[in-house]
Amino acid sequence: MKNKFLSNILLTFVWVALTGDFSFENYLFGFFLNFHILWLITVGRKRSRYFLIVPKIIILLVFFLYELIKANIEVAYEVITPKLNMTPGIIMVPLDIKSDIGITMLANMISLTPGTLSLDVSNDKKVLFVHAMYVKDREKFIRGIKDGFERRILEVLS
């Protein structure tokens, strides 16, 4: 997997050098173009973890950006309206993630999303304590984290 990733990065730099356009969009286009080229020329691509994990990482990033924009709009609306609509609370979110890196990724994604903050992880690493501005239904909030961030992180780490 590491060799394919490094090959992809190297080919991306070759692409950028050949085109002479050093913009972020060109790097991104080169990365995706070279990903598909590597996929086409790899013999055992169905067994290669690299070709399975990159799309999952992209899905996780797109989902995170969607949640980030949605939360920014909610918090901005709360700031500009005179009436307070928030119902803050601290929620115990049970964790299915076992690895330290997975828990760290989940906690950071929650904290980076406006209106939520990861407070602590239990000593047995089975519960994440989260403070949220909008907690009307605790079960729905927990389901949102588990079906959203946690499920996608588990897919990337599996």
N, C-alpha and C. Protein backbone atom coordinates (compact mmCIF):
# COMPACT_ATOMS: atom_id res chain seq x y z
N MET A 1 0.82 -1.18 0.00
CA MET A 1 0.00 0.00 0.00
C MET A 1 0.87 1.26 0.00
N LYS A 2 1.94 1.21 0.80
CA LYS A 2 2.82 2.38 0.89
C LYS A 2 3.49 2.67 -0.46
N ASN A 3 3.87 1.60 -1.17
CA ASN A 3 4.52 1.79 -2.47
C ASN A 3 3.58 2.43 -3.48
N LYS A 4 2.33 2.01 -3.48
CA LYS A 4 1.37 2.58 -4.42
C LYS A 4 1.09 4.04 -4.09
N PHE A 5 1.00 4.36 -2.81
CA PHE A 5 0.78 5.75 -2.41
C PHE A 5 1.96 6.62 -2.83
N LEU A 6 3.17 6.15 -2.57
CA LEU A 6 4.36 6.92 -2.96
C LEU A 6 4.46 7.05 -4.48
N SER A 7 4.10 5.98 -5.20
CA SER A 7 4.08 6.06 -6.66
C SER A 7 3.07 7.09 -7.13
N ASN A 8 1.92 7.11 -6.49
CA ASN A 8 0.88 8.07 -6.84
C ASN A 8 1.36 9.50 -6.60
N ILE A 9 2.00 9.73 -5.47
CA ILE A 9 2.53 11.07 -5.16
C ILE A 9 3.60 11.47 -6.17
N LEU A 10 4.52 10.55 -6.47
CA LEU A 10 5.58 10.83 -7.44
C LEU A 10 4.99 11.15 -8.82
N LEU A 11 4.04 10.35 -9.26
CA LEU A 11 3.40 10.61 -10.56
C LEU A 11 2.62 11.93 -10.55
N THR A 12 2.07 12.29 -9.40
CA THR A 12 1.38 13.58 -9.30
C THR A 12 2.36 14.73 -9.50
N PHE A 13 3.54 14.63 -8.89
CA PHE A 13 4.54 15.68 -9.08
C PHE A 13 5.03 15.73 -10.53
N VAL A 14 5.15 14.57 -11.16
CA VAL A 14 5.53 14.54 -12.58
C VAL A 14 4.44 15.22 -13.41
N TRP A 15 3.17 14.92 -13.10
CA TRP A 15 2.05 15.55 -13.81
C TRP A 15 2.10 17.07 -13.66
N VAL A 16 2.30 17.54 -12.44
CA VAL A 16 2.32 18.98 -12.19
C VAL A 16 3.50 19.62 -12.92
N ALA A 17 4.64 18.96 -12.93
CA ALA A 17 5.81 19.51 -13.62
C ALA A 17 5.58 19.56 -15.13
N LEU A 18 4.96 18.53 -15.68
CA LEU A 18 4.70 18.50 -17.12
C LEU A 18 3.68 19.54 -17.55
N THR A 19 2.66 19.75 -16.73
CA THR A 19 1.64 20.73 -17.10
C THR A 19 2.08 22.16 -16.80
N GLY A 20 2.99 22.33 -15.84
CA GLY A 20 3.46 23.67 -15.49
C GLY A 20 2.48 24.48 -14.67
N ASP A 21 1.42 23.85 -14.21
CA ASP A 21 0.40 24.52 -13.40
C ASP A 21 0.53 24.00 -11.97
N PHE A 22 0.95 24.87 -11.06
CA PHE A 22 1.21 24.45 -9.69
C PHE A 22 0.05 24.79 -8.75
N SER A 23 -1.16 24.80 -9.27
CA SER A 23 -2.33 25.11 -8.45
C SER A 23 -2.78 23.87 -7.68
N PHE A 24 -3.53 24.11 -6.62
CA PHE A 24 -4.06 23.02 -5.80
C PHE A 24 -4.96 22.10 -6.64
N GLU A 25 -5.77 22.71 -7.51
CA GLU A 25 -6.68 21.93 -8.35
C GLU A 25 -5.91 20.98 -9.27
N ASN A 26 -4.78 21.44 -9.79
CA ASN A 26 -3.98 20.59 -10.67
C ASN A 26 -3.34 19.44 -9.89
N TYR A 27 -2.88 19.71 -8.66
CA TYR A 27 -2.36 18.63 -7.82
C TYR A 27 -3.46 17.60 -7.56
N LEU A 28 -4.64 18.07 -7.23
CA LEU A 28 -5.77 17.18 -6.95
C LEU A 28 -6.14 16.37 -8.19
N PHE A 29 -6.24 17.05 -9.34
CA PHE A 29 -6.55 16.35 -10.58
C PHE A 29 -5.48 15.31 -10.90
N GLY A 30 -4.21 15.70 -10.74
CA GLY A 30 -3.12 14.77 -11.00
C GLY A 30 -3.16 13.56 -10.08
N PHE A 31 -3.51 13.79 -8.81
CA PHE A 31 -3.60 12.67 -7.87
C PHE A 31 -4.68 11.69 -8.31
N PHE A 32 -5.86 12.20 -8.66
CA PHE A 32 -6.95 11.32 -9.07
C PHE A 32 -6.67 10.65 -10.41
N LEU A 33 -6.06 11.38 -11.33
CA LEU A 33 -5.69 10.80 -12.62
C LEU A 33 -4.71 9.65 -12.42
N ASN A 34 -3.69 9.88 -11.61
CA ASN A 34 -2.68 8.86 -11.37
C ASN A 34 -3.22 7.70 -10.54
N PHE A 35 -4.17 7.97 -9.66
CA PHE A 35 -4.83 6.89 -8.92
C PHE A 35 -5.50 5.94 -9.90
N HIS A 36 -6.21 6.49 -10.88
CA HIS A 36 -6.90 5.65 -11.87
C HIS A 36 -5.91 4.94 -12.79
N ILE A 37 -4.82 5.60 -13.14
CA ILE A 37 -3.81 4.95 -13.97
C ILE A 37 -3.19 3.77 -13.21
N LEU A 38 -2.83 3.99 -11.95
CA LEU A 38 -2.29 2.90 -11.14
C LEU A 38 -3.30 1.76 -10.99
N TRP A 39 -4.57 2.12 -10.84
CA TRP A 39 -5.61 1.09 -10.71
C TRP A 39 -5.69 0.26 -11.99
N LEU A 40 -5.58 0.92 -13.15
CA LEU A 40 -5.68 0.20 -14.42
C LEU A 40 -4.49 -0.73 -14.66
N ILE A 41 -3.29 -0.33 -14.24
CA ILE A 41 -2.12 -1.14 -14.55
C ILE A 41 -1.76 -2.14 -13.46
N THR A 42 -2.44 -2.11 -12.33
CA THR A 42 -2.14 -3.04 -11.24
C THR A 42 -2.84 -4.37 -11.51
N VAL A 43 -2.08 -5.46 -11.40
CA VAL A 43 -2.61 -6.79 -11.70
C VAL A 43 -3.60 -7.25 -10.63
N GLY A 44 -3.21 -7.24 -9.38
CA GLY A 44 -4.07 -7.74 -8.30
C GLY A 44 -4.81 -6.63 -7.59
N ARG A 45 -5.47 -5.76 -8.36
CA ARG A 45 -6.08 -4.57 -7.78
C ARG A 45 -7.24 -4.88 -6.85
N LYS A 46 -7.90 -6.02 -7.02
CA LYS A 46 -9.02 -6.34 -6.13
C LYS A 46 -8.53 -6.68 -4.72
N ARG A 47 -7.30 -7.15 -4.63
CA ARG A 47 -6.74 -7.48 -3.32
C ARG A 47 -5.93 -6.34 -2.72
N SER A 48 -5.65 -5.32 -3.51
CA SER A 48 -4.82 -4.21 -3.05
C SER A 48 -5.62 -3.30 -2.11
N ARG A 49 -5.12 -3.14 -0.91
CA ARG A 49 -5.80 -2.33 0.10
C ARG A 49 -5.83 -0.85 -0.29
N TYR A 50 -4.83 -0.40 -1.01
CA TYR A 50 -4.73 1.01 -1.39
C TYR A 50 -5.94 1.45 -2.21
N PHE A 51 -6.35 0.61 -3.15
CA PHE A 51 -7.47 0.97 -4.02
C PHE A 51 -8.81 0.87 -3.30
N LEU A 52 -8.83 0.23 -2.15
CA LEU A 52 -10.06 0.17 -1.35
C LEU A 52 -10.13 1.32 -0.35
N ILE A 53 -8.98 1.72 0.19
CA ILE A 53 -8.98 2.70 1.28
C ILE A 53 -9.07 4.14 0.78
N VAL A 54 -8.49 4.46 -0.37
CA VAL A 54 -8.51 5.85 -0.86
C VAL A 54 -9.93 6.34 -1.09
N PRO A 55 -10.81 5.57 -1.75
CA PRO A 55 -12.20 6.06 -1.89
C PRO A 55 -12.90 6.24 -0.54
N LYS A 56 -12.60 5.38 0.43
CA LYS A 56 -13.21 5.51 1.76
C LYS A 56 -12.73 6.77 2.47
N ILE A 57 -11.46 7.10 2.30
CA ILE A 57 -10.92 8.33 2.89
C ILE A 57 -11.58 9.55 2.25
N ILE A 58 -11.76 9.50 0.94
CA ILE A 58 -12.41 10.62 0.24
C ILE A 58 -13.85 10.77 0.72
N ILE A 59 -14.56 9.66 0.88
CA ILE A 59 -15.95 9.71 1.38
C ILE A 59 -15.98 10.30 2.78
N LEU A 60 -15.04 9.90 3.64
CA LEU A 60 -14.96 10.45 5.00
C LEU A 60 -14.72 11.96 4.96
N LEU A 61 -13.80 12.41 4.13
CA LEU A 61 -13.50 13.84 4.04
C LEU A 61 -14.69 14.65 3.51
N VAL A 62 -15.36 14.12 2.50
CA VAL A 62 -16.53 14.82 1.95
C VAL A 62 -17.64 14.88 2.99
N PHE A 63 -17.86 13.78 3.71
CA PHE A 63 -18.88 13.77 4.77
C PHE A 63 -18.52 14.78 5.86
N PHE A 64 -17.24 14.82 6.25
CA PHE A 64 -16.80 15.76 7.27
C PHE A 64 -17.02 17.20 6.82
N LEU A 65 -16.69 17.50 5.56
CA LEU A 65 -16.91 18.86 5.04
C LEU A 65 -18.39 19.22 5.03
N TYR A 66 -19.24 18.26 4.67
CA TYR A 66 -20.69 18.49 4.69
C TYR A 66 -21.16 18.81 6.11
N GLU A 67 -20.74 18.00 7.08
CA GLU A 67 -21.13 18.23 8.48
C GLU A 67 -20.57 19.55 9.00
N LEU A 68 -19.37 19.90 8.58
CA LEU A 68 -18.74 21.15 8.99
C LEU A 68 -19.53 22.35 8.48
N ILE A 69 -19.91 22.32 7.22
CA ILE A 69 -20.69 23.42 6.64
C ILE A 69 -22.06 23.51 7.31
N LYS A 70 -22.71 22.36 7.50
CA LYS A 70 -24.03 22.34 8.14
C LYS A 70 -23.96 22.90 9.56
N ALA A 71 -22.95 22.51 10.32
CA ALA A 71 -22.81 23.01 11.69
C ALA A 71 -22.48 24.50 11.72
N ASN A 72 -21.67 24.96 10.78
CA ASN A 72 -21.36 26.39 10.70
C ASN A 72 -22.62 27.21 10.45
N ILE A 73 -23.48 26.73 9.58
CA ILE A 73 -24.74 27.44 9.30
C ILE A 73 -25.62 27.46 10.54
N GLU A 74 -25.72 26.34 11.25
CA GLU A 74 -26.54 26.29 12.47
C GLU A 74 -26.03 27.26 13.53
N VAL A 75 -24.72 27.27 13.75
CA VAL A 75 -24.15 28.15 14.77
C VAL A 75 -24.26 29.62 14.33
N ALA A 76 -24.03 29.90 13.06
CA ALA A 76 -24.16 31.28 12.57
C ALA A 76 -25.60 31.76 12.72
N TYR A 77 -26.57 30.90 12.45
CA TYR A 77 -27.97 31.26 12.63
C TYR A 77 -28.26 31.56 14.10
N GLU A 78 -27.69 30.76 14.98
CA GLU A 78 -27.88 30.97 16.42
C GLU A 78 -27.30 32.31 16.86
N VAL A 79 -26.20 32.70 16.27
CA VAL A 79 -25.54 33.95 16.64
C VAL A 79 -26.33 35.16 16.15
N ILE A 80 -26.89 35.10 14.95
CA ILE A 80 -27.54 36.29 14.40
C ILE A 80 -29.00 36.44 14.80
N THR A 81 -29.61 35.41 15.35
CA THR A 81 -31.00 35.53 15.79
C THR A 81 -31.04 35.97 17.24
N PRO A 82 -32.03 36.79 17.61
CA PRO A 82 -32.08 37.29 18.99
C PRO A 82 -32.52 36.24 20.01
N LYS A 83 -33.30 35.25 19.58
CA LYS A 83 -33.79 34.23 20.51
C LYS A 83 -32.82 33.04 20.56
N LEU A 84 -32.55 32.55 21.77
CA LEU A 84 -31.67 31.39 21.91
C LEU A 84 -32.48 30.12 21.67
N ASN A 85 -32.05 29.34 20.70
CA ASN A 85 -32.71 28.08 20.39
C ASN A 85 -31.93 26.87 20.86
N MET A 86 -30.77 27.11 21.44
CA MET A 86 -29.92 25.98 21.79
C MET A 86 -30.39 25.30 23.07
N THR A 87 -30.14 24.00 23.09
CA THR A 87 -30.40 23.18 24.28
C THR A 87 -29.12 22.40 24.56
N PRO A 88 -28.16 23.02 25.25
CA PRO A 88 -26.86 22.37 25.44
C PRO A 88 -26.94 21.17 26.38
N GLY A 89 -25.99 20.28 26.21
CA GLY A 89 -25.93 19.11 27.08
C GLY A 89 -24.65 18.34 26.87
N ILE A 90 -24.36 17.48 27.83
CA ILE A 90 -23.21 16.58 27.74
C ILE A 90 -23.74 15.18 27.54
N ILE A 91 -23.26 14.52 26.51
CA ILE A 91 -23.76 13.21 26.12
C ILE A 91 -22.64 12.19 26.22
N MET A 92 -22.98 11.01 26.71
CA MET A 92 -22.05 9.88 26.73
C MET A 92 -22.30 9.07 25.46
N VAL A 93 -21.32 9.07 24.56
CA VAL A 93 -21.45 8.35 23.30
C VAL A 93 -20.68 7.03 23.42
N PRO A 94 -21.37 5.89 23.38
CA PRO A 94 -20.67 4.60 23.43
C PRO A 94 -19.84 4.40 22.15
N LEU A 95 -18.65 3.86 22.31
CA LEU A 95 -17.73 3.73 21.18
C LEU A 95 -17.63 2.30 20.69
N ASP A 96 -17.65 2.14 19.38
CA ASP A 96 -17.34 0.85 18.75
C ASP A 96 -15.88 0.82 18.30
N ILE A 97 -15.29 1.99 18.18
CA ILE A 97 -13.88 2.10 17.78
C ILE A 97 -13.01 1.66 18.96
N LYS A 98 -12.03 0.82 18.68
CA LYS A 98 -11.15 0.31 19.74
C LYS A 98 -9.76 0.93 19.70
N SER A 99 -9.30 1.34 18.52
CA SER A 99 -7.93 1.83 18.40
C SER A 99 -7.81 3.28 18.87
N ASP A 100 -6.64 3.61 19.37
CA ASP A 100 -6.38 4.97 19.83
C ASP A 100 -6.47 5.98 18.69
N ILE A 101 -5.96 5.61 17.51
CA ILE A 101 -6.00 6.55 16.39
C ILE A 101 -7.44 6.79 15.94
N GLY A 102 -8.27 5.76 15.98
CA GLY A 102 -9.68 5.92 15.61
C GLY A 102 -10.43 6.81 16.58
N ILE A 103 -10.18 6.61 17.87
CA ILE A 103 -10.82 7.45 18.89
C ILE A 103 -10.35 8.89 18.75
N THR A 104 -9.06 9.07 18.48
CA THR A 104 -8.51 10.42 18.29
C THR A 104 -9.12 11.10 17.07
N MET A 105 -9.25 10.35 15.97
CA MET A 105 -9.87 10.91 14.76
C MET A 105 -11.31 11.33 15.04
N LEU A 106 -12.06 10.47 15.72
CA LEU A 106 -13.46 10.78 16.03
C LEU A 106 -13.56 12.00 16.93
N ALA A 107 -12.75 12.04 17.99
CA ALA A 107 -12.79 13.17 18.92
C ALA A 107 -12.41 14.47 18.22
N ASN A 108 -11.41 14.43 17.35
CA ASN A 108 -11.01 15.64 16.63
C ASN A 108 -12.07 16.10 15.64
N MET A 109 -12.69 15.17 14.94
CA MET A 109 -13.74 15.56 14.00
C MET A 109 -14.93 16.17 14.72
N ILE A 110 -15.27 15.62 15.88
CA ILE A 110 -16.37 16.18 16.67
C ILE A 110 -15.99 17.57 17.16
N SER A 111 -14.77 17.74 17.66
CA SER A 111 -14.35 19.04 18.19
C SER A 111 -14.20 20.09 17.10
N LEU A 112 -13.81 19.69 15.89
CA LEU A 112 -13.66 20.64 14.80
C LEU A 112 -15.00 21.10 14.24
N THR A 113 -16.05 20.35 14.50
CA THR A 113 -17.38 20.73 14.04
C THR A 113 -17.96 21.74 15.02
N PRO A 114 -18.32 22.94 14.55
CA PRO A 114 -18.86 23.97 15.46
C PRO A 114 -20.11 23.49 16.19
N GLY A 115 -20.17 23.83 17.46
CA GLY A 115 -21.32 23.46 18.28
C GLY A 115 -21.13 22.18 19.06
N THR A 116 -20.04 21.47 18.82
CA THR A 116 -19.74 20.25 19.57
C THR A 116 -18.30 20.28 20.05
N LEU A 117 -18.06 19.60 21.15
CA LEU A 117 -16.72 19.55 21.72
C LEU A 117 -16.53 18.22 22.42
N SER A 118 -15.47 17.51 22.09
CA SER A 118 -15.13 16.27 22.78
C SER A 118 -14.48 16.63 24.10
N LEU A 119 -15.03 16.11 25.18
CA LEU A 119 -14.52 16.46 26.50
C LEU A 119 -13.51 15.45 27.02
N ASP A 120 -13.87 14.16 26.96
CA ASP A 120 -13.02 13.15 27.57
C ASP A 120 -13.40 11.78 27.02
N VAL A 121 -12.50 10.84 27.21
CA VAL A 121 -12.75 9.44 26.89
C VAL A 121 -12.64 8.67 28.20
N SER A 122 -13.55 7.72 28.41
CA SER A 122 -13.50 6.94 29.65
C SER A 122 -12.20 6.13 29.69
N ASN A 123 -11.82 5.70 30.88
CA ASN A 123 -10.57 4.96 31.05
C ASN A 123 -10.56 3.65 30.28
N ASP A 124 -11.73 3.01 30.15
CA ASP A 124 -11.79 1.75 29.41
C ASP A 124 -11.99 1.96 27.90
N LYS A 125 -12.01 3.21 27.45
CA LYS A 125 -12.13 3.60 26.04
C LYS A 125 -13.42 3.10 25.40
N LYS A 126 -14.48 3.03 26.19
CA LYS A 126 -15.76 2.58 25.66
C LYS A 126 -16.77 3.72 25.53
N VAL A 127 -16.47 4.88 26.11
CA VAL A 127 -17.41 6.01 26.09
C VAL A 127 -16.64 7.30 25.81
N LEU A 128 -17.22 8.12 24.92
CA LEU A 128 -16.69 9.45 24.63
C LEU A 128 -17.69 10.46 25.15
N PHE A 129 -17.22 11.41 25.94
CA PHE A 129 -18.08 12.45 26.49
C PHE A 129 -18.03 13.66 25.55
N VAL A 130 -19.20 14.09 25.09
CA VAL A 130 -19.30 15.16 24.11
C VAL A 130 -20.24 16.24 24.63
N HIS A 131 -19.80 17.50 24.54
CA HIS A 131 -20.68 18.63 24.84
C HIS A 131 -21.23 19.14 23.52
N ALA A 132 -22.53 19.36 23.46
CA ALA A 132 -23.17 19.83 22.23
C ALA A 132 -24.10 20.99 22.53
N MET A 133 -24.20 21.91 21.58
CA MET A 133 -25.11 23.06 21.74
C MET A 133 -26.56 22.67 21.52
N TYR A 134 -26.79 21.69 20.67
CA TYR A 134 -28.16 21.32 20.31
C TYR A 134 -28.42 19.86 20.64
N VAL A 135 -29.02 19.62 21.80
CA VAL A 135 -29.35 18.26 22.21
C VAL A 135 -30.83 18.21 22.54
N LYS A 136 -31.64 18.06 21.51
CA LYS A 136 -33.08 17.92 21.75
C LYS A 136 -33.42 16.46 22.00
N ASP A 137 -32.75 15.56 21.30
CA ASP A 137 -32.96 14.13 21.45
C ASP A 137 -31.60 13.45 21.56
N ARG A 138 -31.29 12.96 22.75
CA ARG A 138 -29.98 12.35 23.00
C ARG A 138 -29.72 11.14 22.10
N GLU A 139 -30.73 10.29 21.94
CA GLU A 139 -30.57 9.09 21.11
C GLU A 139 -30.29 9.45 19.65
N LYS A 140 -30.98 10.46 19.15
CA LYS A 140 -30.77 10.90 17.77
C LYS A 140 -29.36 11.47 17.61
N PHE A 141 -28.89 12.21 18.60
CA PHE A 141 -27.54 12.77 18.56
C PHE A 141 -26.50 11.65 18.54
N ILE A 142 -26.68 10.66 19.41
CA ILE A 142 -25.74 9.52 19.47
C ILE A 142 -25.77 8.75 18.15
N ARG A 143 -26.97 8.51 17.62
CA ARG A 143 -27.11 7.81 16.34
C ARG A 143 -26.42 8.59 15.22
N GLY A 144 -26.53 9.92 15.27
CA GLY A 144 -25.88 10.75 14.25
C GLY A 144 -24.37 10.59 14.25
N ILE A 145 -23.79 10.54 15.43
CA ILE A 145 -22.33 10.36 15.53
C ILE A 145 -21.93 8.94 15.12
N LYS A 146 -22.67 7.95 15.60
CA LYS A 146 -22.33 6.56 15.31
C LYS A 146 -22.53 6.21 13.84
N ASP A 147 -23.64 6.67 13.25
CA ASP A 147 -23.91 6.36 11.84
C ASP A 147 -23.13 7.27 10.90
N GLY A 148 -22.65 8.39 11.40
CA GLY A 148 -21.92 9.33 10.56
C GLY A 148 -20.42 9.15 10.68
N PHE A 149 -19.84 9.86 11.62
CA PHE A 149 -18.39 9.86 11.78
C PHE A 149 -17.83 8.49 12.13
N GLU A 150 -18.39 7.85 13.15
CA GLU A 150 -17.78 6.61 13.65
C GLU A 150 -17.81 5.50 12.60
N ARG A 151 -18.92 5.34 11.91
CA ARG A 151 -19.03 4.28 10.90
C ARG A 151 -18.01 4.50 9.78
N ARG A 152 -17.86 5.74 9.35
CA ARG A 152 -16.92 6.02 8.25
C ARG A 152 -15.47 5.88 8.70
N ILE A 153 -15.18 6.25 9.94
CA ILE A 153 -13.83 6.05 10.46
C ILE A 153 -13.52 4.56 10.57
N LEU A 154 -14.48 3.77 11.03
CA LEU A 154 -14.28 2.32 11.10
C LEU A 154 -14.04 1.73 9.71
N GLU A 155 -14.72 2.23 8.69
CA GLU A 155 -14.50 1.75 7.33
C GLU A 155 -13.09 2.05 6.86
N VAL A 156 -12.59 3.24 7.19
CA VAL A 156 -11.24 3.61 6.77
C VAL A 156 -10.20 2.77 7.51
N LEU A 157 -10.41 2.53 8.79
CA LEU A 157 -9.41 1.82 9.60
C LEU A 157 -9.49 0.30 9.47
N SER A 158 -10.57 -0.22 8.90
CA SER A 158 -10.69 -1.69 8.81
C SER A 158 -9.82 -2.27 7.72
